[in-house]
PDB file of N, CA and C in Angstrom:
ATOM      1  N   MET A   1      10.506 -18.834   0.067  1.00  0.00           N
ATOM      2  CA  MET A   1      10.288 -17.234   0.430  1.00  0.00           C
ATOM      3  C   MET A   1      10.917 -16.615  -0.660  1.00  0.00           C
ATOM      4  N   ARG A   2       9.977 -15.270  -0.992  1.00  0.00           N
ATOM      5  CA  ARG A   2      10.277 -14.581  -2.086  1.00  0.00           C
ATOM      6  C   ARG A   2      11.245 -13.260  -1.612  1.00  0.00           C
ATOM      7  N   ASN A   3      12.154 -12.734  -2.442  1.00  0.00           N
ATOM      8  CA  ASN A   3      12.832 -11.660  -2.003  1.00  0.00           C
ATOM      9  C   ASN A   3      12.311 -10.403  -2.743  1.00  0.00           C
ATOM     10  N   ALA A   4      12.867  -9.250  -2.474  1.00  0.00           N
ATOM     11  CA  ALA A   4      12.330  -7.900  -3.003  1.00  0.00           C
ATOM     12  C   ALA A   4      12.436  -8.027  -4.567  1.00  0.00           C
ATOM     13  N   PHE A   5      13.153  -8.855  -5.274  1.00  0.00           N
ATOM     14  CA  PHE A   5      13.092  -8.758  -6.706  1.00  0.00           C
ATOM     15  C   PHE A   5      12.254  -9.913  -7.225  1.00  0.00           C
ATOM     16  N   THR A   6      11.375 -10.470  -6.546  1.00  0.00           N
ATOM     17  CA  THR A   6      10.476 -11.531  -7.131  1.00  0.00           C
ATOM     18  C   THR A   6       9.625 -10.950  -8.239  1.00  0.00           C
ATOM     19  N   ASN A   7       9.250 -11.748  -9.144  1.00  0.00           N
ATOM     20  CA  ASN A   7       8.404 -11.363 -10.379  1.00  0.00           C
ATOM     21  C   ASN A   7       7.044 -12.263 -10.018  1.00  0.00           C
ATOM     22  N   TYR A   8       5.943 -11.463  -9.957  1.00  0.00           N
ATOM     23  CA  TYR A   8       4.935 -12.165  -9.661  1.00  0.00           C
ATOM     24  C   TYR A   8       4.150 -12.319 -10.986  1.00  0.00           C
ATOM     25  N   GLY A   9       3.188 -13.334 -10.927  1.00  0.00           N
ATOM     26  CA  GLY A   9       2.400 -13.770 -12.207  1.00  0.00           C
ATOM     27  C   GLY A   9       1.296 -12.679 -12.500  1.00  0.00           C
ATOM     28  N   SER A  10       0.863 -12.079 -11.526  1.00  0.00           N
ATOM     29  CA  SER A  10      -0.229 -10.990 -11.600  1.00  0.00           C
ATOM     30  C   SER A  10      -0.232 -10.085 -10.370  1.00  0.00           C
ATOM     31  N   LEU A  11      -0.856  -8.925 -10.480  1.00  0.00           N
ATOM     32  CA  LEU A  11      -0.970  -8.149  -9.479  1.00  0.00           C
ATOM     33  C   LEU A  11      -1.961  -8.724  -8.184  1.00  0.00           C
ATOM     34  N   ASP A  12      -2.941  -9.505  -8.594  1.00  0.00           N
ATOM     35  CA  ASP A  12      -3.523 -10.123  -7.642  1.00  0.00           C
ATOM     36  C   ASP A  12      -2.521 -11.127  -6.664  1.00  0.00           C
ATOM     37  N   GLU A  13      -1.768 -11.896  -7.285  1.00  0.00           N
ATOM     38  CA  GLU A  13      -0.625 -12.588  -6.628  1.00  0.00           C
ATOM     39  C   GLU A  13       0.107 -11.973  -5.790  1.00  0.00           C
ATOM     40  N   PHE A  14       0.720 -10.718  -6.346  1.00  0.00           N
ATOM     41  CA  PHE A  14       1.372  -9.911  -5.471  1.00  0.00           C
ATOM     42  C   PHE A  14       0.627  -9.195  -4.162  1.00  0.00           C
ATOM     43  N   VAL A  15      -0.482  -8.914  -4.295  1.00  0.00           N
ATOM     44  CA  VAL A  15      -1.455  -8.591  -3.350  1.00  0.00           C
ATOM     45  C   VAL A  15      -1.527  -9.614  -2.124  1.00  0.00           C
ATOM     46  N   THR A  16      -1.876 -10.769  -2.594  1.00  0.00           N
ATOM     47  CA  THR A  16      -2.099 -11.976  -1.839  1.00  0.00           C
ATOM     48  C   THR A  16      -1.013 -12.071  -1.007  1.00  0.00           C
ATOM     49  N   ASN A  17       0.403 -12.282  -1.682  1.00  0.00           N
ATOM     50  CA  ASN A  17       1.637 -12.727  -1.141  1.00  0.00           C
ATOM     51  C   ASN A  17       2.153 -11.512  -0.164  1.00  0.00           C
ATOM     52  N   ASN A  18       1.741 -10.416  -0.037  1.00  0.00           N
ATOM     53  CA  ASN A  18       2.238  -9.209   0.548  1.00  0.00           C
ATOM     54  C   ASN A  18       1.213  -8.646   1.479  1.00  0.00           C
ATOM     55  N   SER A  19       0.056  -9.241   1.752  1.00  0.00           N
ATOM     56  CA  SER A  19      -0.993  -8.617   2.570  1.00  0.00           C
ATOM     57  C   SER A  19      -0.653  -8.346   3.989  1.00  0.00           C
ATOM     58  N   GLN A  20       0.248  -9.061   4.483  1.00  0.00           N
ATOM     59  CA  GLN A  20       0.708  -8.803   5.960  1.00  0.00           C
ATOM     60  C   GLN A  20       1.994  -7.747   5.901  1.00  0.00           C
ATOM     61  N   LYS A  21       2.629  -7.431   4.844  1.00  0.00           N
ATOM     62  CA  LYS A  21       3.505  -6.391   4.655  1.00  0.00           C
ATOM     63  C   LYS A  21       3.159  -4.959   4.907  1.00  0.00           C
ATOM     64  N   MET A  22       3.788  -4.220   5.567  1.00  0.00           N
ATOM     65  CA  MET A  22       3.531  -2.824   5.779  1.00  0.00           C
ATOM     66  C   MET A  22       4.131  -1.983   4.739  1.00  0.00           C
ATOM     67  N   PHE A  23       3.237  -1.208   4.138  1.00  0.00           N
ATOM     68  CA  PHE A  23       3.757  -0.240   3.111  1.00  0.00           C
ATOM     69  C   PHE A  23       3.457   1.151   3.421  1.00  0.00           C
ATOM     70  N   ARG A  24       4.374   1.919   2.779  1.00  0.00           N
ATOM     71  CA  ARG A  24       4.042   3.552   2.818  1.00  0.00           C
ATOM     72  C   ARG A  24       3.408   3.925   1.428  1.00  0.00           C
ATOM     73  N   ILE A  25       2.364   4.538   1.520  1.00  0.00           N
ATOM     74  CA  ILE A  25       1.572   4.851   0.357  1.00  0.00           C
ATOM     75  C   ILE A  25       1.612   6.207   0.287  1.00  0.00           C
ATOM     76  N   VAL A  26       2.074   6.591  -1.064  1.00  0.00           N
ATOM     77  CA  VAL A  26       2.076   8.082  -1.417  1.00  0.00           C
ATOM     78  C   VAL A  26       1.280   8.386  -2.676  1.00  0.00           C
ATOM     79  N   ASP A  27       0.241   9.174  -2.445  1.00  0.00           N
ATOM     80  CA  ASP A  27      -0.457   9.658  -3.642  1.00  0.00           C
ATOM     81  C   ASP A  27       0.299  10.649  -4.438  1.00  0.00           C
ATOM     82  N   CYS A  28       0.604  10.148  -5.620  1.00  0.00           N
ATOM     83  CA  CYS A  28       1.577  10.993  -6.582  1.00  0.00           C
ATOM     84  C   CYS A  28       1.030  12.027  -7.059  1.00  0.00           C
ATOM     85  N   ASN A  29      -0.273  12.262  -7.173  1.00  0.00           N
ATOM     86  CA  ASN A  29      -0.905  13.545  -7.473  1.00  0.00           C
ATOM     87  C   ASN A  29      -0.823  14.559  -6.522  1.00  0.00           C
ATOM     88  N   LYS A  30      -0.968  14.130  -5.125  1.00  0.00           N
ATOM     89  CA  LYS A  30      -0.663  15.174  -4.084  1.00  0.00           C
ATOM     90  C   LYS A  30       0.627  15.421  -3.858  1.00  0.00           C
ATOM     91  N   GLU A  31       1.469  14.557  -4.090  1.00  0.00           N
ATOM     92  CA  GLU A  31       3.076  14.694  -3.950  1.00  0.00           C
ATOM     93  C   GLU A  31       3.329  15.831  -5.000  1.00  0.00           C
ATOM     94  N   ALA A  32       2.843  15.729  -6.137  1.00  0.00           N
ATOM     95  CA  ALA A  32       3.271  16.899  -7.281  1.00  0.00           C
ATOM     96  C   ALA A  32       2.825  18.064  -6.941  1.00  0.00           C
ATOM     97  N   GLN A  33       1.793  18.268  -5.941  1.00  0.00           N
ATOM     98  CA  GLN A  33       1.461  19.468  -5.458  1.00  0.00           C
ATOM     99  C   GLN A  33       2.174  19.852  -4.262  1.00  0.00           C
ATOM    100  N   ASP A  34       3.319  19.226  -4.045  1.00  0.00           N
ATOM    101  CA  ASP A  34       4.160  19.519  -2.677  1.00  0.00           C
ATOM    102  C   ASP A  34       3.452  19.235  -1.449  1.00  0.00           C
ATOM    103  N   CYS A  35       2.340  18.237  -1.460  1.00  0.00           N
ATOM    104  CA  CYS A  35       1.711  18.008  -0.309  1.00  0.00           C
ATOM    105  C   CYS A  35       2.628  16.683   0.107  1.00  0.00           C
ATOM    106  N   PRO A  36       3.146  16.705   1.401  1.00  0.00           N
ATOM    107  CA  PRO A  36       3.689  15.438   1.827  1.00  0.00           C
ATOM    108  C   PRO A  36       2.616  14.394   2.392  1.00  0.00           C
ATOM    109  N   CYS A  37       1.913  14.065   1.574  1.00  0.00           N
ATOM    110  CA  CYS A  37       0.826  13.068   2.174  1.00  0.00           C
ATOM    111  C   CYS A  37       1.096  11.717   1.787  1.00  0.00           C
ATOM    112  N   MET A  38       1.223  10.926   3.047  1.00  0.00           N
ATOM    113  CA  MET A  38       1.824   9.504   3.064  1.00  0.00           C
ATOM    114  C   MET A  38       0.989   8.854   4.208  1.00  0.00           C
ATOM    115  N   ILE A  39       0.423   7.589   3.896  1.00  0.00           N
ATOM    116  CA  ILE A  39      -0.132   6.805   4.910  1.00  0.00           C
ATOM    117  C   ILE A  39       0.642   5.405   4.848  1.00  0.00           C
ATOM    118  N   TYR A  40       0.354   4.936   6.068  1.00  0.00           N
ATOM    119  CA  TYR A  40       0.920   3.567   6.379  1.00  0.00           C
ATOM    120  C   TYR A  40      -0.339   2.524   6.177  1.00  0.00           C
ATOM    121  N   GLY A  41      -0.016   1.364   5.508  1.00  0.00           N
ATOM    122  CA  GLY A  41      -1.120   0.584   5.351  1.00  0.00           C
ATOM    123  C   GLY A  41      -0.646  -0.792   4.889  1.00  0.00           C
ATOM    124  N   ARG A  42      -1.853  -1.722   4.934  1.00  0.00           N
ATOM    125  CA  ARG A  42      -1.366  -3.058   4.319  1.00  0.00           C
ATOM    126  C   ARG A  42      -2.286  -3.439   3.138  1.00  0.00           C
ATOM    127  N   LEU A  43      -1.839  -4.013   2.206  1.00  0.00           N
ATOM    128  CA  LEU A  43      -2.740  -4.329   1.036  1.00  0.00           C
ATOM    129  C   LEU A  43      -3.710  -5.381   1.423  1.00  0.00           C
ATOM    130  N   SER A  44      -5.024  -4.959   0.928  1.00  0.00           N
ATOM    131  CA  SER A  44      -6.113  -5.751   1.290  1.00  0.00           C
ATOM    132  C   SER A  44      -6.950  -6.382   0.300  1.00  0.00           C
ATOM    133  N   THR A  45      -7.109  -5.748  -0.819  1.00  0.00           N
ATOM    134  CA  THR A  45      -7.868  -6.197  -1.957  1.00  0.00           C
ATOM    135  C   THR A  45      -7.305  -5.495  -3.218  1.00  0.00           C
ATOM    136  N   MET A  46      -7.576  -6.103  -4.198  1.00  0.00           N
ATOM    137  CA  MET A  46      -7.475  -5.598  -5.678  1.00  0.00           C
ATOM    138  C   MET A  46      -8.732  -5.734  -6.371  1.00  0.00           C
ATOM    139  N   ILE A  47      -8.979  -4.620  -7.174  1.00  0.00           N
ATOM    140  CA  ILE A  47     -10.108  -4.686  -8.085  1.00  0.00           C
ATOM    141  C   ILE A  47      -9.638  -4.165  -9.431  1.00  0.00           C
ATOM    142  N   GLU A  48      -9.750  -5.095 -10.567  1.00  0.00           N
ATOM    143  CA  GLU A  48      -9.176  -4.651 -11.974  1.00  0.00           C
ATOM    144  C   GLU A  48     -10.473  -4.040 -12.431  1.00  0.00           C
ATOM    145  N   LEU A  49     -10.026  -2.813 -13.217  1.00  0.00           N
ATOM    146  CA  LEU A  49     -10.819  -1.914 -13.767  1.00  0.00           C
ATOM    147  C   LEU A  49     -11.003  -2.149 -15.333  1.00  0.00           C
ATOM    148  N   ALA A  50     -12.109  -1.844 -15.829  1.00  0.00           N
ATOM    149  CA  ALA A  50     -12.439  -2.134 -17.248  1.00  0.00           C
ATOM    150  C   ALA A  50     -11.202  -1.502 -18.196  1.00  0.00           C
ATOM    151  N   ASP A  51     -10.573  -0.395 -17.659  1.00  0.00           N
ATOM    152  CA  ASP A  51      -9.513   0.215 -18.521  1.00  0.00           C
ATOM    153  C   ASP A  51      -8.105  -0.735 -18.426  1.00  0.00           C
ATOM    154  N   LYS A  52      -8.187  -1.751 -17.871  1.00  0.00           N
ATOM    155  CA  LYS A  52      -6.939  -2.632 -17.463  1.00  0.00           C
ATOM    156  C   LYS A  52      -6.133  -1.958 -16.302  1.00  0.00           C
ATOM    157  N   GLY A  53      -6.632  -0.964 -15.653  1.00  0.00           N
ATOM    158  CA  GLY A  53      -6.192  -0.550 -14.406  1.00  0.00           C
ATOM    159  C   GLY A  53      -6.578  -1.242 -13.164  1.00  0.00           C
ATOM    160  N   ALA A  54      -6.037  -0.730 -12.112  1.00  0.00           N
ATOM    161  CA  ALA A  54      -6.594  -1.521 -10.920  1.00  0.00           C
ATOM    162  C   ALA A  54      -6.694  -0.530  -9.659  1.00  0.00           C
ATOM    163  N   LEU A  55      -7.498  -0.915  -8.906  1.00  0.00           N
ATOM    164  CA  LEU A  55      -7.652  -0.249  -7.428  1.00  0.00           C
ATOM    165  C   LEU A  55      -7.170  -1.078  -6.401  1.00  0.00           C
ATOM    166  N   LEU A  56      -6.527  -0.600  -5.725  1.00  0.00           N
ATOM    167  CA  LEU A  56      -5.902  -1.280  -4.403  1.00  0.00           C
ATOM    168  C   LEU A  56      -6.738  -0.862  -3.324  1.00  0.00           C
ATOM    169  N   GLY A  57      -7.122  -1.842  -2.406  1.00  0.00           N
ATOM    170  CA  GLY A  57      -7.717  -1.589  -1.201  1.00  0.00           C
ATOM    171  C   GLY A  57      -6.698  -1.550  -0.074  1.00  0.00           C
ATOM    172  N   ILE A  58      -6.323  -0.471   0.612  1.00  0.00           N
ATOM    173  CA  ILE A  58      -5.504  -0.519   1.660  1.00  0.00           C
ATOM    174  C   ILE A  58      -5.927  -0.369   3.106  1.00  0.00           C
ATOM    175  N   GLN A  59      -5.659  -1.297   3.772  1.00  0.00           N
ATOM    176  CA  GLN A  59      -6.128  -1.180   5.327  1.00  0.00           C
ATOM    177  C   GLN A  59      -5.211  -0.170   6.084  1.00  0.00           C
ATOM    178  N   VAL A  60      -5.659   0.797   6.411  1.00  0.00           N
ATOM    179  CA  VAL A  60      -5.068   2.074   6.925  1.00  0.00           C
ATOM    180  C   VAL A  60      -4.563   1.651   8.273  1.00  0.00           C
ATOM    181  N   LEU A  61      -3.211   2.007   8.706  1.00  0.00           N
ATOM    182  CA  LEU A  61      -2.383   1.955   9.829  1.00  0.00           C
ATOM    183  C   LEU A  61      -2.357   3.188  10.667  1.00  0.00           C
ATOM    184  N   GLN A  62      -2.720   3.141  11.814  1.00  0.00           N
ATOM    185  CA  GLN A  62      -2.608   4.583  12.503  1.00  0.00           C
ATOM    186  C   GLN A  62      -1.570   4.733  13.252  1.00  0.00           C
ATOM    187  N   GLU A  63      -0.593   5.726  13.407  1.00  0.00           N
ATOM    188  CA  GLU A  63       0.514   5.775  14.307  1.00  0.00           C
ATOM    189  C   GLU A  63      -0.028   6.352  15.774  1.00  0.00           C
ATOM    190  N   SER A  64       0.301   5.773  16.740  1.00  0.00           N
ATOM    191  CA  SER A  64      -0.224   6.119  18.141  1.00  0.00           C
ATOM    192  C   SER A  64       0.830   7.009  18.845  1.00  0.00           C
ATOM    193  N   ASP A  65       0.660   7.685  19.766  1.00  0.00           N
ATOM    194  CA  ASP A  65       1.642   8.450  20.609  1.00  0.00           C
ATOM    195  C   ASP A  65       2.872   7.705  20.908  1.00  0.00           C
ATOM    196  N   ASP A  66       2.934   6.307  21.084  1.00  0.00           N
ATOM    197  CA  ASP A  66       4.078   5.650  21.507  1.00  0.00           C
ATOM    198  C   ASP A  66       4.978   5.330  20.135  1.00  0.00           C
ATOM    199  N   GLY A  67       4.474   5.773  18.934  1.00  0.00           N
ATOM    200  CA  GLY A  67       5.189   5.692  17.877  1.00  0.00           C
ATOM    201  C   GLY A  67       4.884   4.281  17.052  1.00  0.00           C
ATOM    202  N   LYS A  68       4.101   3.507  17.604  1.00  0.00           N
ATOM    203  CA  LYS A  68       3.713   2.120  16.862  1.00  0.00           C
ATOM    204  C   LYS A  68       2.575   2.292  16.082  1.00  0.00           C
ATOM    205  N   LEU A  69       2.520   1.482  15.157  1.00  0.00           N
ATOM    206  CA  LEU A  69       1.391   1.570  14.260  1.00  0.00           C
ATOM    207  C   LEU A  69       0.359   0.511  14.459  1.00  0.00           C
ATOM    208  N   TYR A  70      -0.996   0.748  14.452  1.00  0.00           N
ATOM    209  CA  TYR A  70      -1.967  -0.022  14.854  1.00  0.00           C
ATOM    210  C   TYR A  70      -2.962  -0.067  13.772  1.00  0.00           C
ATOM    211  N   ASP A  71      -3.650  -1.350  13.601  1.00  0.00           N
ATOM    212  CA  ASP A  71      -4.657  -1.461  12.628  1.00  0.00           C
ATOM    213  C   ASP A  71      -5.825  -0.555  12.885  1.00  0.00           C
ATOM    214  N   THR A  72      -6.512  -0.149  11.774  1.00  0.00           N
ATOM    215  CA  THR A  72      -7.794   0.621  12.017  1.00  0.00           C
ATOM    216  C   THR A  72      -8.880  -0.178  11.086  1.00  0.00           C
ATOM    217  N   ASP A  73     -10.057   0.421  11.355  1.00  0.00           N
ATOM    218  CA  ASP A  73     -11.267  -0.130  10.486  1.00  0.00           C
ATOM    219  C   ASP A  73     -11.290   0.415   9.210  1.00  0.00           C
ATOM    220  N   THR A  74     -10.260   1.486   9.013  1.00  0.00           N
ATOM    221  CA  THR A  74     -10.471   2.217   7.638  1.00  0.00           C
ATOM    222  C   THR A  74      -9.862   1.505   6.503  1.00  0.00           C
ATOM    223  N   LEU A  75     -10.643   1.380   5.281  1.00  0.00           N
ATOM    224  CA  LEU A  75     -10.049   0.816   4.018  1.00  0.00           C
ATOM    225  C   LEU A  75     -10.381   1.829   3.158  1.00  0.00           C
ATOM    226  N   GLU A  76      -9.080   2.178   2.485  1.00  0.00           N
ATOM    227  CA  GLU A  76      -9.092   3.366   1.592  1.00  0.00           C
ATOM    228  C   GLU A  76      -8.598   2.727  -0.014  1.00  0.00           C
ATOM    229  N   TYR A  77      -9.350   3.085  -1.059  1.00  0.00           N
ATOM    230  CA  TYR A  77      -8.938   2.638  -2.439  1.00  0.00           C
ATOM    231  C   TYR A  77      -8.182   3.726  -3.087  1.00  0.00           C
ATOM    232  N   TYR A  78      -7.103   3.071  -3.770  1.00  0.00           N
ATOM    233  CA  TYR A  78      -6.356   4.125  -4.748  1.00  0.00           C
ATOM    234  C   TYR A  78      -6.004   3.283  -6.133  1.00  0.00           C
ATOM    235  N   LYS A  79      -6.084   4.285  -7.019  1.00  0.00           N
ATOM    236  CA  LYS A  79      -5.737   3.767  -8.430  1.00  0.00           C
ATOM    237  C   LYS A  79      -4.166   3.461  -8.327  1.00  0.00           C
ATOM    238  N   LEU A  80      -3.708   2.160  -8.834  1.00  0.00           N
ATOM    239  CA  LEU A  80      -2.385   1.686  -8.800  1.00  0.00           C
ATOM    240  C   LEU A  80      -1.484   2.576  -9.656  1.00  0.00           C
ATOM    241  N   ASN A  81      -2.028   3.427 -10.598  1.00  0.00           N
ATOM    242  CA  ASN A  81      -1.141   4.231 -11.321  1.00  0.00           C
ATOM    243  C   ASN A  81      -1.032   5.513 -10.806  1.00  0.00           C
ATOM    244  N   GLU A  82      -1.648   5.910  -9.710  1.00  0.00           N
ATOM    245  CA  GLU A  82      -1.547   7.053  -9.060  1.00  0.00           C
ATOM    246  C   GLU A  82      -0.828   7.045  -7.801  1.00  0.00           C
ATOM    247  N   ILE A  83      -0.301   6.077  -7.332  1.00  0.00           N
ATOM    248  CA  ILE A  83       0.295   5.950  -6.125  1.00  0.00           C
ATOM    249  C   ILE A  83       1.842   5.350  -6.292  1.00  0.00           C
ATOM    250  N   ARG A  84       2.417   5.362  -5.193  1.00  0.00           N
ATOM    251  CA  ARG A  84       3.906   4.773  -5.028  1.00  0.00           C
ATOM    252  C   ARG A  84       3.702   4.068  -3.750  1.00  0.00           C
ATOM    253  N   LEU A  85       4.114   2.799  -3.876  1.00  0.00           N
ATOM    254  CA  LEU A  85       4.166   1.792  -2.638  1.00  0.00           C
ATOM    255  C   LEU A  85       5.717   1.728  -2.339  1.00  0.00           C
ATOM    256  N   THR A  86       5.959   1.814  -0.914  1.00  0.00           N
ATOM    257  CA  THR A  86       7.363   1.733  -0.459  1.00  0.00           C
ATOM    258  C   THR A  86       7.243   0.631   0.738  1.00  0.00           C
ATOM    259  N   SER A  87       8.062  -0.271   0.948  1.00  0.00           N
ATOM    260  CA  SER A  87       8.268  -1.229   1.864  1.00  0.00           C
ATOM    261  C   SER A  87       9.493  -1.155   2.511  1.00  0.00           C
ATOM    262  N   CYS A  88       9.773  -0.771   3.829  1.00  0.00           N
ATOM    263  CA  CYS A  88      10.997  -0.587   4.510  1.00  0.00           C
ATOM    264  C   CYS A  88      11.317  -1.371   5.729  1.00  0.00           C
ATOM    265  N   LYS A  89      12.344  -2.256   5.770  1.00  0.00           N
ATOM    266  CA  LYS A  89      12.426  -3.133   6.779  1.00  0.00           C
ATOM    267  C   LYS A  89      12.116  -2.399   8.152  1.00  0.00           C
ATOM    268  N   GLU A  90      12.671  -1.077   8.412  1.00  0.00           N
ATOM    269  CA  GLU A  90      12.407  -0.403   9.725  1.00  0.00           C
ATOM    270  C   GLU A  90      11.018  -0.227   9.970  1.00  0.00           C
ATOM    271  N   ASP A  91      10.044  -0.252   9.022  1.00  0.00           N
ATOM    272  CA  ASP A  91       8.729  -0.166   9.243  1.00  0.00           C
ATOM    273  C   ASP A  91       8.170  -1.419   9.831  1.00  0.00           C
ATOM    274  N   MET A  92       8.844  -2.502   9.655  1.00  0.00           N
ATOM    275  CA  MET A  92       8.142  -3.835   9.925  1.00  0.00           C
ATOM    276  C   MET A  92       8.643  -4.122  11.585  1.00  0.00           C
ATOM    277  N   ILE A  93       9.243  -3.304  12.257  1.00  0.00           N
ATOM    278  CA  ILE A  93       9.886  -3.473  13.633  1.00  0.00           C
ATOM    279  C   ILE A  93       8.859  -2.921  14.533  1.00  0.00           C
TER     280      ILE A  93
END
C-alpha cells in the first residue's frame, strides 16, 4: 500500500494507481482571476504531449442535493501544469 509521500516512476503510474481516488481539481488560470472554480473528479487517462507536458483526463463527479458525489458521463481534459490536484480524506467518505 502506498502512502501520500510515495514516489511514482511515471505520471502514467500515478494515474493508474490513483484512478479510484477522488480529487479536487482547481484550474490555476481561473484561480488567478479570483474565480473559485473547483470540480471533483477521478483520474481517468493521461496523454503525453509533444512538449513533454501532459493532459489529464478527469471523470467529473457531480454533487447532488444530498451532498454526496456521483459519477457522471463527463470527461474533461486539463493540462497538468495548469491545475492543482488535492486529495482529502473527508472527500472519500
